[in-house]
N, C-alpha and C. Protein backbone atom coordinates (compact mmCIF):
# COMPACT_ATOMS: atom_id res chain seq x y z
N MET A 1 -31.07 -10.29 30.07
CA MET A 1 -29.62 -10.41 30.01
C MET A 1 -29.34 -9.57 28.96
N PHE A 2 -28.11 -8.86 28.91
CA PHE A 2 -27.67 -8.26 27.59
C PHE A 2 -26.06 -8.95 27.44
N TYR A 3 -25.72 -9.43 26.29
CA TYR A 3 -24.46 -9.79 25.85
C TYR A 3 -23.97 -9.07 24.86
N TYR A 4 -22.45 -8.83 25.51
CA TYR A 4 -21.94 -7.99 24.22
C TYR A 4 -21.14 -8.81 23.38
N ILE A 5 -20.88 -8.60 22.46
CA ILE A 5 -19.96 -9.24 21.37
C ILE A 5 -18.94 -8.50 20.90
N LEU A 6 -17.94 -8.49 21.22
CA LEU A 6 -16.71 -7.63 20.47
C LEU A 6 -16.05 -8.84 19.43
N LEU A 7 -16.04 -8.24 18.29
CA LEU A 7 -15.51 -9.03 17.20
C LEU A 7 -14.39 -7.69 16.58
N THR A 8 -13.03 -8.73 16.69
CA THR A 8 -11.83 -7.71 15.93
C THR A 8 -11.64 -8.59 14.48
N LEU A 9 -10.58 -7.89 14.06
CA LEU A 9 -10.44 -8.52 12.68
C LEU A 9 -9.07 -9.26 13.17
N LEU A 10 -8.98 -10.48 12.46
CA LEU A 10 -7.96 -11.61 12.66
C LEU A 10 -6.96 -11.17 11.92
N ASN A 11 -5.59 -10.93 12.12
CA ASN A 11 -4.72 -10.72 11.19
C ASN A 11 -3.58 -11.23 11.56
N HIS A 12 -3.43 -12.41 10.40
CA HIS A 12 -2.11 -13.58 10.66
C HIS A 12 -1.13 -13.15 9.49
N GLY A 13 -0.91 -12.05 9.15
CA GLY A 13 0.02 -11.51 8.21
C GLY A 13 -0.35 -11.93 6.67
N ILE A 14 -1.11 -13.04 6.57
CA ILE A 14 -1.53 -13.08 4.99
C ILE A 14 -2.99 -12.50 4.76
N CYS A 15 -4.02 -13.15 5.79
CA CYS A 15 -5.41 -13.00 5.42
C CYS A 15 -5.98 -11.99 6.69
N VAL A 16 -6.79 -11.13 6.44
CA VAL A 16 -7.46 -10.09 7.42
C VAL A 16 -8.91 -10.53 6.98
N TYR A 17 -9.75 -10.99 8.01
CA TYR A 17 -11.43 -11.45 7.69
C TYR A 17 -12.03 -10.13 8.22
N PHE A 18 -13.06 -9.52 7.36
CA PHE A 18 -13.84 -8.91 8.09
C PHE A 18 -15.16 -9.83 8.44
N LEU A 19 -15.16 -10.02 9.60
CA LEU A 19 -16.10 -11.27 10.08
C LEU A 19 -17.67 -10.90 10.08
N ILE A 20 -17.91 -9.46 10.08
CA ILE A 20 -19.45 -9.30 10.27
C ILE A 20 -19.94 -8.23 9.25
N SER A 21 -21.04 -8.56 8.85
CA SER A 21 -21.60 -7.83 7.79
C SER A 21 -23.24 -7.44 8.61
N CYS A 22 -23.52 -8.20 9.54
CA CYS A 22 -24.66 -8.13 10.11
C CYS A 22 -24.71 -8.65 11.57
N ILE A 23 -25.19 -7.95 12.33
CA ILE A 23 -25.85 -8.86 13.66
C ILE A 23 -27.27 -8.71 14.10
N PHE A 24 -27.86 -9.67 14.41
CA PHE A 24 -29.37 -9.68 14.71
C PHE A 24 -29.31 -10.27 15.93
N LEU A 25 -30.04 -9.27 16.59
CA LEU A 25 -30.58 -9.77 18.24
C LEU A 25 -32.01 -10.04 17.86
N ILE A 26 -32.37 -11.28 18.18
CA ILE A 26 -33.69 -11.57 18.08
C ILE A 26 -34.25 -11.95 19.68
N LYS A 27 -35.17 -11.40 20.34
CA LYS A 27 -35.57 -11.37 21.60
C LYS A 27 -36.66 -12.49 21.65
N SER A 28 -36.49 -13.57 22.20
CA SER A 28 -37.44 -14.29 22.66
C SER A 28 -38.42 -13.79 23.69
N CYS A 29 -39.77 -14.03 23.67
CA CYS A 29 -40.71 -13.27 24.61
C CYS A 29 -40.52 -14.21 25.83
N GLU A 30 -40.53 -15.63 25.78
CA GLU A 30 -40.80 -16.32 26.84
C GLU A 30 -39.61 -16.09 27.91
N ASP A 31 -38.15 -16.55 27.64
CA ASP A 31 -37.21 -16.44 28.59
C ASP A 31 -36.41 -14.99 28.33
N ARG A 32 -36.83 -14.35 27.69
CA ARG A 32 -35.97 -13.13 27.34
C ARG A 32 -34.62 -13.21 27.35
N SER A 33 -34.07 -14.23 26.43
CA SER A 33 -32.67 -14.67 25.88
C SER A 33 -32.87 -14.02 24.49
N TYR A 34 -31.46 -13.98 24.43
CA TYR A 34 -31.17 -13.27 23.05
C TYR A 34 -30.27 -14.15 22.06
N CYS A 35 -30.73 -14.21 20.75
CA CYS A 35 -29.93 -15.18 19.65
C CYS A 35 -29.47 -14.05 18.82
N VAL A 36 -27.85 -14.58 18.41
CA VAL A 36 -27.32 -13.76 17.69
C VAL A 36 -26.90 -14.59 16.63
N ALA A 37 -26.89 -13.79 15.45
CA ALA A 37 -26.78 -14.46 13.92
C ALA A 37 -25.78 -13.76 13.65
N LEU A 38 -24.68 -14.36 13.04
CA LEU A 38 -23.25 -13.67 12.54
C LEU A 38 -23.42 -13.87 10.83
N TYR A 39 -23.11 -13.03 10.11
CA TYR A 39 -23.54 -13.33 8.64
C TYR A 39 -21.95 -12.94 8.32
N PHE A 40 -21.09 -13.76 7.57
CA PHE A 40 -19.59 -13.53 7.21
C PHE A 40 -19.57 -13.20 5.80
N ILE A 41 -18.54 -12.18 5.81
CA ILE A 41 -18.34 -11.69 4.39
C ILE A 41 -17.18 -12.52 3.91
N LYS A 42 -17.21 -12.70 2.57
CA LYS A 42 -16.15 -13.04 2.00
C LYS A 42 -14.67 -12.67 2.49
N PRO A 43 -13.59 -13.60 2.87
CA PRO A 43 -12.50 -13.02 3.24
C PRO A 43 -11.83 -12.22 2.17
N ILE A 44 -10.95 -11.36 2.96
CA ILE A 44 -10.20 -10.27 1.52
C ILE A 44 -8.85 -10.54 2.02
N ASN A 45 -8.13 -11.15 0.90
CA ASN A 45 -6.53 -11.61 1.05
C ASN A 45 -5.84 -10.12 1.07
N GLN A 46 -5.28 -10.10 2.21
CA GLN A 46 -4.50 -8.94 2.43
C GLN A 46 -3.33 -8.86 1.53
N SER A 47 -3.08 -9.93 1.05
CA SER A 47 -1.71 -10.26 0.33
C SER A 47 -1.93 -9.88 -1.00
N LYS A 48 -3.12 -9.67 -1.34
CA LYS A 48 -3.61 -9.11 -2.89
C LYS A 48 -3.66 -7.94 -2.78
N THR A 49 -2.86 -6.73 -2.41
CA THR A 49 -3.26 -5.80 -2.35
C THR A 49 -1.61 -4.90 -3.02
N MET A 50 -1.76 -4.30 -4.01
CA MET A 50 -0.49 -3.91 -4.78
C MET A 50 -0.44 -2.44 -4.34
N PRO A 51 1.15 -2.45 -4.58
CA PRO A 51 1.96 -1.19 -4.27
C PRO A 51 2.37 -1.14 -5.67
N THR A 52 2.59 0.15 -6.04
CA THR A 52 3.27 0.37 -7.33
C THR A 52 4.16 1.97 -6.90
N PHE A 53 5.35 1.80 -7.15
CA PHE A 53 6.42 2.97 -7.10
C PHE A 53 7.27 3.34 -8.46
N VAL A 54 6.48 4.45 -8.81
CA VAL A 54 7.09 4.88 -9.80
C VAL A 54 8.12 6.29 -9.64
N ILE A 55 9.15 6.21 -10.58
CA ILE A 55 10.16 7.30 -10.08
C ILE A 55 10.67 8.14 -11.78
N ASN A 56 10.16 9.24 -11.91
CA ASN A 56 10.79 9.99 -13.10
C ASN A 56 11.99 10.82 -12.36
N THR A 57 12.98 10.61 -13.65
CA THR A 57 14.43 11.25 -12.67
C THR A 57 14.77 11.83 -14.06
N ASN A 58 15.73 12.90 -14.18
CA ASN A 58 16.66 13.44 -15.04
C ASN A 58 18.03 12.71 -15.18
N ILE A 59 18.28 11.84 -13.98
CA ILE A 59 19.73 11.18 -14.19
C ILE A 59 19.41 9.80 -15.36
N SER A 60 20.73 9.71 -15.79
CA SER A 60 20.73 8.81 -17.23
C SER A 60 20.61 7.31 -16.45
N LYS A 61 20.07 6.50 -17.47
CA LYS A 61 19.76 5.33 -17.49
C LYS A 61 21.23 4.27 -16.80
N ASP A 62 22.57 4.88 -17.37
CA ASP A 62 23.75 4.03 -16.88
C ASP A 62 23.97 4.41 -15.85
N LYS A 63 23.54 5.45 -15.08
CA LYS A 63 23.81 5.83 -13.46
C LYS A 63 22.75 5.17 -12.50
N ILE A 64 21.79 4.19 -13.22
CA ILE A 64 21.11 3.76 -11.97
C ILE A 64 21.85 2.31 -11.96
N PRO A 65 21.99 1.81 -10.68
CA PRO A 65 22.71 0.59 -10.40
C PRO A 65 21.65 -0.63 -11.09
N GLU A 66 22.43 -1.60 -11.55
CA GLU A 66 22.13 -2.80 -11.83
C GLU A 66 20.58 -3.48 -11.09
N ASP A 67 21.11 -3.38 -9.65
CA ASP A 67 19.85 -4.12 -8.82
C ASP A 67 19.01 -3.14 -8.26
N PHE A 68 19.12 -1.78 -8.54
CA PHE A 68 18.12 -0.76 -8.21
C PHE A 68 16.74 -1.38 -8.05
N LEU A 69 16.18 -1.68 -9.01
CA LEU A 69 14.64 -2.00 -8.89
C LEU A 69 14.22 -3.19 -8.20
N LYS A 70 15.36 -4.34 -8.07
CA LYS A 70 15.25 -5.23 -7.06
C LYS A 70 15.18 -5.08 -5.56
N ASN A 71 16.24 -4.06 -5.35
CA ASN A 71 16.40 -3.59 -3.97
C ASN A 71 15.21 -2.72 -3.66
N THR A 72 14.72 -1.90 -4.51
CA THR A 72 13.89 -0.77 -4.23
C THR A 72 12.13 -1.72 -3.86
N ALA A 73 12.16 -2.77 -4.80
CA ALA A 73 10.73 -3.50 -4.58
C ALA A 73 10.86 -4.08 -3.43
N LYS A 74 12.03 -4.89 -3.09
CA LYS A 74 11.99 -5.60 -1.65
C LYS A 74 11.76 -4.32 -0.39
N LEU A 75 12.46 -3.10 -0.63
CA LEU A 75 12.05 -2.36 0.51
C LEU A 75 10.80 -1.64 0.55
N VAL A 76 10.28 -1.89 -0.55
CA VAL A 76 8.55 -1.00 -0.68
C VAL A 76 7.87 -2.27 0.13
N ALA A 77 8.00 -3.32 -0.46
CA ALA A 77 7.28 -4.77 0.47
C ALA A 77 7.18 -4.63 2.03
N GLU A 78 8.93 -4.33 2.24
CA GLU A 78 9.26 -4.52 3.59
C GLU A 78 8.42 -3.08 4.34
N VAL A 79 8.41 -2.16 3.82
CA VAL A 79 8.04 -0.92 4.40
C VAL A 79 6.25 -0.99 4.40
N LEU A 80 5.79 -1.58 3.47
CA LEU A 80 4.43 -1.39 3.43
C LEU A 80 3.70 -2.48 3.77
N LYS A 81 4.88 -3.61 4.29
CA LYS A 81 4.27 -4.79 4.99
C LYS A 81 3.54 -5.65 3.83
N LYS A 82 3.61 -5.65 2.66
CA LYS A 82 2.86 -6.50 1.46
C LYS A 82 3.86 -7.32 0.84
N PRO A 83 3.44 -8.47 0.20
CA PRO A 83 4.40 -9.29 -0.31
C PRO A 83 4.89 -8.91 -1.62
N ILE A 84 6.49 -9.09 -1.64
CA ILE A 84 7.15 -8.29 -2.71
C ILE A 84 6.55 -8.92 -4.13
N SER A 85 5.53 -10.12 -4.31
CA SER A 85 5.05 -10.69 -5.59
C SER A 85 4.26 -9.64 -6.28
N TYR A 86 3.75 -8.66 -5.47
CA TYR A 86 2.82 -8.02 -6.13
C TYR A 86 3.38 -6.41 -6.10
N VAL A 87 4.79 -6.01 -5.76
CA VAL A 87 5.08 -4.74 -5.78
C VAL A 87 5.54 -4.62 -7.29
N VAL A 88 5.51 -3.49 -7.58
CA VAL A 88 5.75 -2.88 -9.10
C VAL A 88 6.93 -1.65 -8.70
N VAL A 89 7.96 -1.61 -9.28
CA VAL A 89 9.16 -0.60 -9.22
C VAL A 89 9.21 0.00 -10.92
N HIS A 90 8.74 1.18 -11.11
CA HIS A 90 8.94 1.55 -12.39
C HIS A 90 9.65 2.84 -12.55
N VAL A 91 11.03 2.88 -12.92
CA VAL A 91 12.08 3.85 -13.19
C VAL A 91 12.11 4.62 -14.45
N ASN A 92 11.77 5.71 -14.68
CA ASN A 92 11.67 6.41 -16.17
C ASN A 92 12.91 7.28 -16.17
N PRO A 93 14.35 6.89 -16.56
CA PRO A 93 15.42 7.90 -16.53
C PRO A 93 15.44 8.78 -17.70
N ASP A 94 16.27 9.40 -17.76
CA ASP A 94 16.70 10.34 -18.60
C ASP A 94 15.50 11.25 -19.24
N GLN A 95 14.81 11.66 -18.21
CA GLN A 95 13.74 12.77 -18.57
C GLN A 95 14.16 14.23 -18.49
N MET A 96 13.51 14.67 -19.40
CA MET A 96 13.80 16.49 -19.15
C MET A 96 13.24 16.92 -18.45
N MET A 97 13.69 17.33 -17.10
CA MET A 97 13.28 17.82 -15.82
C MET A 97 14.53 18.90 -15.46
N SER A 98 13.60 19.80 -14.85
CA SER A 98 14.35 21.04 -14.06
C SER A 98 13.63 21.14 -12.81
N TRP A 99 14.61 21.17 -11.59
CA TRP A 99 14.28 21.69 -10.36
C TRP A 99 14.81 22.85 -9.87
N GLY A 100 13.97 23.91 -9.44
CA GLY A 100 14.73 25.20 -9.35
C GLY A 100 15.40 25.81 -10.12
N GLY A 101 15.11 25.66 -11.54
CA GLY A 101 15.54 26.26 -12.47
C GLY A 101 17.08 25.30 -12.93
N THR A 102 17.26 24.40 -12.42
CA THR A 102 18.48 23.54 -12.90
C THR A 102 18.36 22.55 -13.36
N SER A 103 19.25 21.71 -13.89
CA SER A 103 19.02 20.47 -14.27
C SER A 103 19.89 19.46 -13.26
N ASP A 104 20.18 19.78 -12.20
CA ASP A 104 20.82 19.00 -11.28
C ASP A 104 19.88 17.60 -11.17
N PRO A 105 20.52 16.69 -10.70
CA PRO A 105 19.92 15.35 -10.54
C PRO A 105 18.38 15.91 -9.76
N CYS A 106 17.40 15.31 -10.08
CA CYS A 106 15.98 15.59 -9.47
C CYS A 106 15.34 14.00 -9.63
N ALA A 107 14.07 14.50 -9.16
CA ALA A 107 12.80 13.26 -9.44
C ALA A 107 11.56 13.53 -8.94
N VAL A 108 10.87 12.84 -9.32
CA VAL A 108 9.27 13.09 -8.60
C VAL A 108 8.74 11.44 -8.52
N GLY A 109 8.39 10.90 -7.78
CA GLY A 109 7.69 9.91 -7.57
C GLY A 109 6.20 9.80 -7.13
N THR A 110 5.95 8.74 -7.46
CA THR A 110 4.63 8.38 -6.90
C THR A 110 4.32 6.92 -6.38
N LEU A 111 3.81 6.88 -5.26
CA LEU A 111 3.84 5.44 -4.55
C LEU A 111 1.94 5.38 -4.43
N GLY A 112 1.77 4.40 -5.23
CA GLY A 112 0.08 3.84 -4.87
C GLY A 112 0.08 2.75 -4.26
N SER A 113 -1.11 2.45 -3.43
CA SER A 113 -1.10 1.17 -2.84
C SER A 113 -2.74 1.18 -2.43
N ILE A 114 -3.07 0.09 -2.17
CA ILE A 114 -4.42 -0.12 -1.64
C ILE A 114 -3.88 -0.22 -0.05
N GLY A 115 -4.43 0.59 0.49
CA GLY A 115 -3.92 0.70 2.14
C GLY A 115 -2.55 0.92 2.15
N SER A 116 -2.03 0.50 3.55
CA SER A 116 -0.60 1.02 4.15
C SER A 116 -0.27 2.20 4.10
N LEU A 117 -1.18 3.05 3.67
CA LEU A 117 -0.71 4.74 3.75
C LEU A 117 -1.84 5.55 4.35
N GLY A 118 -1.22 6.47 4.75
CA GLY A 118 -1.76 7.69 5.78
C GLY A 118 -0.83 8.68 6.15
N THR A 119 -1.26 9.71 6.73
CA THR A 119 -0.69 10.55 7.54
C THR A 119 0.63 10.00 8.46
N SER A 120 0.53 9.30 9.07
CA SER A 120 2.05 9.04 9.96
C SER A 120 2.86 7.89 9.24
N LEU A 121 2.00 7.00 8.47
CA LEU A 121 2.74 5.98 7.75
C LEU A 121 3.44 6.78 6.68
N ASN A 122 3.14 7.73 6.20
CA ASN A 122 3.89 7.97 4.71
C ASN A 122 5.16 9.05 5.19
N VAL A 123 4.83 9.40 6.61
CA VAL A 123 6.32 9.82 7.25
C VAL A 123 7.39 9.08 7.55
N LYS A 124 6.93 7.82 7.82
CA LYS A 124 8.17 6.75 7.97
C LYS A 124 8.52 6.04 6.40
N ILE A 125 7.39 5.99 5.51
CA ILE A 125 7.97 5.76 4.19
C ILE A 125 8.67 6.48 3.53
N SER A 126 8.45 7.90 3.67
CA SER A 126 9.30 8.84 3.03
C SER A 126 10.69 8.84 3.59
N LYS A 127 10.72 8.70 4.84
CA LYS A 127 12.37 8.65 5.34
C LYS A 127 13.29 7.45 4.76
N VAL A 128 12.37 6.40 4.62
CA VAL A 128 13.02 5.20 4.11
C VAL A 128 13.15 5.27 2.51
N LEU A 129 12.22 5.86 1.85
CA LEU A 129 12.30 5.83 0.22
C LEU A 129 13.44 6.92 -0.25
N PHE A 130 13.36 8.19 0.50
CA PHE A 130 14.38 9.17 0.29
C PHE A 130 15.51 9.20 0.73
N ASP A 131 15.81 8.30 1.66
CA ASP A 131 17.24 7.83 1.93
C ASP A 131 17.81 6.81 0.98
N HIS A 132 16.95 5.93 0.56
CA HIS A 132 17.37 4.72 -0.66
C HIS A 132 17.66 5.75 -1.89
N VAL A 133 16.77 6.53 -2.15
CA VAL A 133 17.08 7.21 -3.24
C VAL A 133 18.45 8.14 -3.64
N LYS A 134 18.63 8.81 -2.27
CA LYS A 134 19.82 9.38 -2.15
C LYS A 134 20.91 8.47 -2.04
N ASP A 135 21.06 7.34 -1.31
CA ASP A 135 22.10 6.09 -1.26
C ASP A 135 22.40 5.62 -2.61
N ASN A 136 21.29 5.51 -3.33
CA ASN A 136 21.66 4.69 -4.65
C ASN A 136 21.53 5.40 -5.88
N LEU A 137 20.78 6.77 -6.29
CA LEU A 137 20.54 7.20 -7.38
C LEU A 137 21.23 8.90 -7.17
N GLY A 138 21.57 9.24 -6.09
CA GLY A 138 22.62 10.46 -5.63
C GLY A 138 21.28 11.66 -5.73
N ILE A 139 20.39 11.34 -5.71
CA ILE A 139 19.30 12.47 -5.75
C ILE A 139 19.12 12.89 -4.36
N ASN A 140 19.35 14.31 -3.90
CA ASN A 140 19.07 14.72 -2.37
C ASN A 140 17.66 15.13 -2.47
N PRO A 141 17.26 14.61 -1.00
CA PRO A 141 15.87 14.76 -0.67
C PRO A 141 15.06 15.95 -1.05
N ASP A 142 16.00 16.96 -1.12
CA ASP A 142 15.47 18.43 -1.30
C ASP A 142 15.05 18.65 -2.82
N ARG A 143 15.35 17.75 -3.71
CA ARG A 143 14.99 17.70 -4.91
C ARG A 143 14.12 16.47 -5.56
N MET A 144 13.44 16.01 -4.51
CA MET A 144 12.64 14.96 -4.93
C MET A 144 11.12 15.01 -4.26
N TYR A 145 10.16 14.74 -4.81
CA TYR A 145 8.97 14.73 -4.05
C TYR A 145 8.29 13.30 -4.30
N ILE A 146 7.82 12.70 -3.31
CA ILE A 146 6.68 11.69 -3.36
C ILE A 146 5.44 11.93 -3.06
N THR A 147 4.33 11.60 -4.12
CA THR A 147 3.05 11.81 -4.10
C THR A 147 2.81 10.20 -3.41
N TYR A 148 1.76 10.18 -2.49
CA TYR A 148 1.01 9.13 -2.22
C TYR A 148 -0.20 9.11 -2.72
N VAL A 149 -0.55 7.72 -2.94
CA VAL A 149 -2.07 7.65 -3.47
C VAL A 149 -2.76 6.23 -2.90
N ASP A 150 -3.54 6.62 -1.94
CA ASP A 150 -4.21 5.45 -1.30
C ASP A 150 -5.36 4.90 -2.03
N LEU A 151 -5.49 4.09 -2.92
CA LEU A 151 -6.33 3.23 -4.03
C LEU A 151 -7.34 2.54 -3.30
N GLU A 152 -8.62 2.90 -4.09
CA GLU A 152 -9.81 2.04 -3.67
C GLU A 152 -9.43 0.63 -4.41
N ARG A 153 -9.80 -0.27 -3.75
CA ARG A 153 -10.00 -1.79 -4.13
C ARG A 153 -10.62 -2.00 -5.42
N ALA A 154 -11.56 -0.91 -5.75
CA ALA A 154 -12.69 -1.31 -6.95
C ALA A 154 -11.82 -0.23 -8.19
N ASN A 155 -11.00 0.62 -7.95
CA ASN A 155 -10.33 1.15 -8.63
C ASN A 155 -8.98 0.55 -9.37
N VAL A 156 -8.79 -0.61 -8.85
CA VAL A 156 -7.27 -1.42 -9.28
C VAL A 156 -7.77 -2.72 -10.05
N GLY A 157 -7.53 -2.65 -11.36
CA GLY A 157 -7.67 -4.07 -12.02
C GLY A 157 -6.67 -4.87 -11.83
N TYR A 158 -6.63 -6.35 -11.98
CA TYR A 158 -5.83 -7.32 -11.98
C TYR A 158 -6.50 -8.49 -12.12
N MET A 159 -5.85 -9.22 -13.08
CA MET A 159 -6.46 -10.75 -13.57
C MET A 159 -7.79 -10.69 -13.90
N GLY A 160 -7.98 -9.39 -14.86
CA GLY A 160 -9.34 -9.56 -15.59
C GLY A 160 -10.51 -9.13 -14.70
N THR A 161 -10.12 -8.48 -13.34
CA THR A 161 -11.12 -8.28 -12.03
C THR A 161 -10.73 -7.12 -11.68
N THR A 162 -11.31 -6.82 -10.48
CA THR A 162 -10.52 -5.77 -9.84
C THR A 162 -10.20 -6.44 -8.31
N PHE A 163 -9.48 -5.67 -7.60
CA PHE A 163 -9.15 -6.25 -6.11
C PHE A 163 -10.31 -6.27 -5.39
N ALA A 164 -11.40 -5.13 -5.66
CA ALA A 164 -12.56 -5.44 -4.84
C ALA A 164 -13.45 -6.93 -4.79
N ASP A 165 -13.32 -7.69 -6.28
CA ASP A 165 -13.95 -8.82 -6.18
C ASP A 165 -13.06 -9.99 -5.67
N MET A 166 -11.84 -9.69 -5.39
CA MET A 166 -10.95 -10.78 -5.17
C MET A 166 -10.84 -11.04 -3.59
């Protein structure tokens, strides 16, 4: 008799466990039964996955609302479903920038994250972030790019190690 085992990822909002690294089926010659051995991998804490949003813009520092960093961090955490404690927002104002040959307000941004990015997700994230930047900084969506970077855990350092080891 064959047994089929379906293992799913358990997602409780905080931790996702990858439950299986190997499944061994050992056939018993006497009764034709099967034994299954599961080996568990170290759990990966989904909450420890950093997003960083960097905006370079030619608008002046005094035109950036005082609560822009805080509100943007909260928005990034919500849209990526990440804890705010790992979100970094960095705004570089007063940059010497031109878009289409003019110095009207413009920006280039980069959103880097371990996971939570991808083709369909980036469309949704773009809508939220472009609207937020337009509403708070007055930069039209046709004068800004956002580059999305899906980072590998081993390529992001934190607390003296990398996220691959956490």
